[in-house]
Amino acid sequence: MRPAHFLAAVVTAAAAVIALANPASAAAVNYVALGDSYASGLGTGSYDGSSGSCKRGPLAYPALWAASHAPASFKSVACSGARTSDVLNSQVSSLAASTTLVTLQVGGNDAGFTDVVTTCTFGSDQDCVNRVNQSKAFIANTLPGLLDNVYGTVRSKSPSAKVVVLGYPRLYKVPGSCNVGLSDTKRSAINSGADALHAGISARAAAAGFSYADVRGAFTGHEICSSSWWLNSLSWPVEESYHPNQNGHRSGYLPALQSVIG
């Protein structure tokens, strides 16, 4: 082989090897985060002033993932208090055909998360169990249709995107180290609500062809009343109560998300 031909062959082979070794680098990631207060970062204590009552912050798992992976673009429109209707009315407009990654966490507020916690805090054990059972019935009978509508809209807006749906942790360790506050009966009832949300949300995510991140395992041993809390109990400001703290996002949600995205 002539020297010139040999050199050309070497350059061509090297280019091929580089291309094979770095296939992901050629694909720009355009990431949009949708969802409620668990996705916005309420509970971390650090928020972007421009996000107002939505309480989006740099220590929420979507922002942490973006900071560590440097996507071509990143936008979080997650908002505290959001329900499925809010995602449809105010958030999915941020999606586009060019969006390649979507994270989505919603359903807890539809199922009455705040009212469950309030009832269980101030009511009797039976009041708490009854209210959780009411939420479970909603999760089984009504929430699936609401989620299907959201998931279908997300797919239509961003047909080529990888969509990751994230679930909710169990809030309490039962029995735990707390000797004041809610009874074990109430704590167990609230945890069973989280399990019901997991079952309902994961089933609809699978039906839509989306990936699902179950965070219950990651938070095991780090619930309220454990030896290392990744969740706020009753806090001030009160709106931060029963939400993941900084450790919950950094050590719980972020690794769960990374394990699904790959």
Protein backbone atom coordinates (compact mmCIF):
# COMPACT_ATOMS: atom_id res chain seq x y z
CA MET A 1 0.00 0.00 0.00
CA ARG A 2 1.33 3.43 -0.91
CA PRO A 3 2.11 5.79 2.03
CA ALA A 4 -0.61 8.23 1.04
CA HIS A 5 -3.19 5.48 0.80
CA PHE A 6 -2.04 4.03 4.11
CA LEU A 7 -2.35 7.40 5.84
CA ALA A 8 -5.83 7.90 4.43
CA ALA A 9 -6.89 4.48 5.66
CA VAL A 10 -5.56 5.20 9.15
CA VAL A 11 -7.43 8.52 9.33
CA THR A 12 -10.67 6.90 8.14
CA ALA A 13 -10.35 4.08 10.66
CA ALA A 14 -9.60 6.50 13.49
CA ALA A 15 -12.64 8.59 12.64
CA ALA A 16 -14.81 5.49 12.67
CA VAL A 17 -13.48 4.43 16.07
CA ILE A 18 -14.11 7.90 17.53
CA ALA A 19 -17.65 7.91 16.15
CA LEU A 20 -18.35 4.48 17.64
CA ALA A 21 -16.83 5.42 20.99
CA ASN A 22 -18.91 8.58 21.36
CA PRO A 23 -22.35 7.93 19.88
CA ALA A 24 -24.18 9.84 22.64
CA SER A 25 -22.07 12.95 22.28
CA ALA A 26 -23.54 13.63 18.86
CA ALA A 27 -27.11 13.66 20.16
CA ALA A 28 -28.09 16.89 21.89
CA VAL A 29 -30.31 16.44 24.95
CA ASN A 30 -33.18 18.90 25.23
CA TYR A 31 -34.72 18.32 28.66
CA VAL A 32 -38.05 19.56 30.03
CA ALA A 33 -39.20 18.78 33.60
CA LEU A 34 -42.93 18.70 34.36
CA GLY A 35 -44.80 18.07 37.58
CA ASP A 36 -45.76 19.13 41.06
CA SER A 37 -43.96 20.30 44.21
CA TYR A 38 -41.91 17.12 44.48
CA ALA A 39 -40.46 17.90 41.05
CA SER A 40 -40.13 21.66 41.61
CA GLY A 41 -38.02 21.24 44.75
CA LEU A 42 -40.36 22.48 47.46
CA GLY A 43 -38.79 21.34 50.73
CA THR A 44 -35.18 22.03 49.78
CA GLY A 45 -35.31 25.60 51.11
CA SER A 46 -33.67 27.11 48.01
CA TYR A 47 -35.84 28.58 45.26
CA ASP A 48 -35.53 30.71 42.15
CA GLY A 49 -37.15 34.06 42.82
CA SER A 50 -38.57 34.15 39.32
CA SER A 51 -40.57 30.95 39.95
CA GLY A 52 -42.84 32.63 42.52
CA SER A 53 -45.33 30.28 44.19
CA CYS A 54 -44.18 27.37 42.02
CA LYS A 55 -41.09 27.08 44.26
CA ARG A 56 -38.68 25.78 41.66
CA GLY A 57 -35.10 25.57 42.84
CA PRO A 58 -31.56 24.53 41.93
CA LEU A 59 -31.53 21.67 44.45
CA ALA A 60 -34.50 19.84 42.92
CA TYR A 61 -33.66 16.58 41.15
CA PRO A 62 -34.35 17.92 37.62
CA ALA A 63 -31.94 20.84 38.16
CA LEU A 64 -29.36 18.54 39.77
CA TRP A 65 -29.50 16.16 36.80
CA ALA A 66 -29.13 19.05 34.37
CA ALA A 67 -26.21 20.51 36.33
CA SER A 68 -24.34 17.20 36.25
CA HIS A 69 -25.10 16.28 32.61
CA ALA A 70 -25.03 19.67 30.83
CA PRO A 71 -27.86 19.06 28.36
CA ALA A 72 -28.11 21.31 25.31
CA SER A 73 -31.20 22.86 26.90
CA PHE A 74 -33.05 22.50 30.18
CA LYS A 75 -36.31 23.97 31.39
CA SER A 76 -38.32 23.09 34.48
CA VAL A 77 -41.94 24.16 34.55
CA ALA A 78 -42.83 22.00 37.55
CA CYS A 79 -44.98 23.89 40.03
CA SER A 80 -45.98 23.44 43.64
CA GLY A 81 -49.60 22.36 43.94
CA ALA A 82 -49.86 21.15 40.35
CA ARG A 83 -52.47 18.56 39.42
CA THR A 84 -52.87 16.72 36.15
CA SER A 85 -55.06 19.56 34.86
CA ASP A 86 -52.32 22.09 35.62
CA VAL A 87 -49.76 20.04 33.72
CA LEU A 88 -52.09 20.05 30.71
CA ASN A 89 -53.07 23.72 30.99
CA SER A 90 -49.78 25.32 31.98
CA GLN A 91 -46.83 22.97 31.44
CA VAL A 92 -47.04 20.81 28.32
CA SER A 93 -46.81 23.91 26.14
CA SER A 94 -43.08 23.88 26.98
CA LEU A 95 -42.66 20.61 25.09
CA ALA A 96 -41.69 20.48 21.43
CA ALA A 97 -40.85 17.94 18.76
CA SER A 98 -37.19 18.68 19.50
CA THR A 99 -37.54 17.70 23.18
CA THR A 100 -35.54 14.53 23.78
CA LEU A 101 -35.99 14.01 27.55
CA VAL A 102 -39.04 14.61 29.73
CA THR A 103 -39.42 13.93 33.43
CA LEU A 104 -42.92 13.95 34.86
CA GLN A 105 -44.21 13.62 38.41
CA VAL A 106 -47.88 14.26 39.09
CA GLY A 107 -50.86 12.58 40.70
CA GLY A 108 -50.32 13.13 44.41
CA ASN A 109 -52.31 16.35 44.53
CA ASP A 110 -55.11 14.87 42.45
CA ALA A 111 -55.38 12.13 45.06
CA GLY A 112 -55.71 14.70 47.87
CA PHE A 113 -52.21 14.60 49.37
CA THR A 114 -52.60 17.80 51.40
CA ASP A 115 -56.02 16.88 52.75
CA VAL A 116 -54.82 13.40 53.70
CA VAL A 117 -51.94 14.83 55.72
CA THR A 118 -54.21 17.44 57.34
CA THR A 119 -56.85 14.86 58.26
CA CYS A 120 -54.27 12.47 59.65
CA THR A 121 -52.60 15.24 61.66
CA PHE A 122 -55.72 16.60 63.32
CA GLY A 123 -58.19 13.73 63.15
CA SER A 124 -58.47 10.37 64.87
CA ASP A 125 -56.83 7.17 63.70
CA GLN A 126 -60.08 6.14 62.04
CA ASP A 127 -60.48 9.53 60.39
CA CYS A 128 -57.03 9.10 58.90
CA VAL A 129 -57.67 5.56 57.68
CA ASN A 130 -60.99 6.59 56.16
CA ARG A 131 -59.46 9.54 54.31
CA VAL A 132 -56.60 7.42 52.97
CA ASN A 133 -59.09 4.81 51.78
CA GLN A 134 -61.00 7.56 49.98
CA SER A 135 -57.79 8.53 48.20
CA LYS A 136 -57.08 4.92 47.32
CA ALA A 137 -60.49 4.64 45.68
CA PHE A 138 -59.74 7.78 43.65
CA ILE A 139 -56.34 6.38 42.66
CA ALA A 140 -57.90 3.14 41.50
CA ASN A 141 -60.95 4.52 39.71
CA THR A 142 -60.32 8.10 38.57
CA LEU A 143 -56.60 8.83 38.48
CA PRO A 144 -55.79 6.35 35.67
CA GLY A 145 -57.88 8.26 33.15
CA LEU A 146 -56.35 11.57 34.21
CA LEU A 147 -52.84 10.18 33.85
CA ASP A 148 -53.61 8.63 30.47
CA ASN A 149 -54.71 12.04 29.23
CA VAL A 150 -51.50 13.69 30.45
CA TYR A 151 -49.25 10.92 29.14
CA GLY A 152 -50.95 10.91 25.75
CA THR A 153 -50.56 14.67 25.44
CA VAL A 154 -46.87 14.51 26.39
CA ARG A 155 -46.25 11.87 23.74
CA SER A 156 -48.09 13.84 21.07
CA LYS A 157 -46.08 16.97 21.87
CA SER A 158 -42.70 15.21 21.96
CA PRO A 159 -43.04 12.00 19.95
CA SER A 160 -39.35 11.09 20.07
CA ALA A 161 -38.57 11.98 23.67
CA LYS A 162 -37.59 9.58 26.41
CA VAL A 163 -40.19 10.12 29.12
CA VAL A 164 -39.44 9.20 32.73
CA VAL A 165 -42.31 9.18 35.22
CA LEU A 166 -41.28 9.39 38.86
CA GLY A 167 -43.19 8.06 41.85
CA TYR A 168 -43.50 9.09 45.48
CA PRO A 169 -41.76 7.69 48.59
CA ARG A 170 -43.35 6.26 51.70
CA LEU A 171 -43.26 9.09 54.24
CA TYR A 172 -42.82 7.17 57.49
CA LYS A 173 -40.72 4.44 59.02
CA VAL A 174 -43.07 2.19 60.99
CA PRO A 175 -42.34 1.64 63.79
CA GLY A 176 -39.85 4.46 63.97
CA SER A 177 -37.79 6.50 66.39
CA CYS A 178 -40.43 9.25 66.78
CA ASN A 179 -42.12 9.07 70.15
CA VAL A 180 -44.43 12.00 69.46
CA GLY A 181 -46.60 12.96 66.52
CA LEU A 182 -48.73 10.61 64.45
CA SER A 183 -49.57 7.13 65.68
CA ASP A 184 -48.21 4.06 63.91
CA THR A 185 -51.73 3.44 62.62
CA LYS A 186 -51.76 6.81 60.90
CA ARG A 187 -48.23 6.42 59.60
CA SER A 188 -49.03 3.01 58.13
CA ALA A 189 -52.17 4.36 56.50
CA ILE A 190 -50.27 7.21 54.85
CA ASN A 191 -47.61 4.79 53.62
CA SER A 192 -50.29 2.58 52.11
CA GLY A 193 -51.46 5.60 50.15
CA ALA A 194 -47.95 5.99 48.71
CA ASP A 195 -48.02 2.31 47.71
CA ALA A 196 -51.36 2.82 45.99
CA LEU A 197 -49.95 5.79 44.07
CA HIS A 198 -47.00 3.65 43.02
CA ALA A 199 -49.26 0.91 41.71
CA GLY A 200 -51.53 3.29 39.83
CA ILE A 201 -48.89 5.56 38.34
CA SER A 202 -46.45 2.82 37.36
CA ALA A 203 -49.21 0.88 35.57
CA ARG A 204 -50.28 3.85 33.47
CA ALA A 205 -46.67 4.82 32.72
CA ALA A 206 -46.00 1.30 31.46
CA ALA A 207 -49.16 1.36 29.36
CA ALA A 208 -47.95 4.60 27.75
CA GLY A 209 -44.54 3.10 27.02
CA PHE A 210 -42.79 5.42 29.46
CA SER A 211 -40.03 4.59 31.92
CA TYR A 212 -40.86 4.67 35.62
CA ALA A 213 -38.61 5.45 38.59
CA ASP A 214 -39.80 3.90 41.86
CA VAL A 215 -38.13 5.83 44.70
CA ARG A 216 -39.59 3.86 47.62
CA GLY A 217 -36.53 1.63 47.85
CA ALA A 218 -34.14 4.57 47.75
CA PHE A 219 -35.96 6.23 50.65
CA THR A 220 -36.17 3.07 52.76
CA GLY A 221 -34.26 3.81 55.95
CA HIS A 222 -34.55 7.54 55.32
CA GLU A 223 -38.22 8.14 56.03
CA ILE A 224 -39.60 10.41 58.74
CA CYS A 225 -38.93 8.71 62.11
CA SER A 226 -35.88 6.88 60.74
CA SER A 227 -32.33 7.58 61.89
CA SER A 228 -31.60 9.65 58.75
CA TRP A 229 -34.51 11.68 57.39
CA TRP A 230 -34.61 12.58 53.70
CA LEU A 231 -38.09 14.07 54.15
CA ASN A 232 -39.38 17.00 56.15
CA SER A 233 -41.89 16.36 58.90
CA LEU A 234 -44.05 19.25 60.09
CA SER A 235 -41.86 22.22 59.14
CA TRP A 236 -41.75 25.96 58.85
CA PRO A 237 -42.70 27.28 56.36
CA VAL A 238 -45.50 24.77 56.69
CA GLU A 239 -45.75 24.26 52.92
CA GLU A 240 -42.37 22.50 53.03
CA SER A 241 -43.77 19.80 55.32
CA TYR A 242 -43.81 16.22 54.05
CA HIS A 243 -41.60 16.96 51.06
CA PRO A 244 -38.09 15.68 50.26
CA ASN A 245 -35.30 17.76 51.73
CA GLN A 246 -31.96 18.42 50.03
CA ASN A 247 -30.72 14.90 50.81
CA GLY A 248 -33.95 13.46 49.45
CA HIS A 249 -33.38 15.07 46.08
CA ARG A 250 -29.62 14.56 45.92
CA SER A 251 -29.38 11.04 47.37
CA GLY A 252 -32.87 9.69 46.70
CA TYR A 253 -34.46 11.10 43.57
CA LEU A 254 -31.36 11.92 41.53
CA PRO A 255 -29.84 8.40 41.62
CA ALA A 256 -33.26 6.89 40.89
CA LEU A 257 -33.59 9.13 37.85
CA GLN A 258 -30.05 8.41 36.67
CA SER A 259 -30.60 4.66 36.94
CA VAL A 260 -33.58 4.89 34.57
CA ILE A 261 -32.09 7.32 32.06
CA GLY A 262 -28.86 5.31 31.91
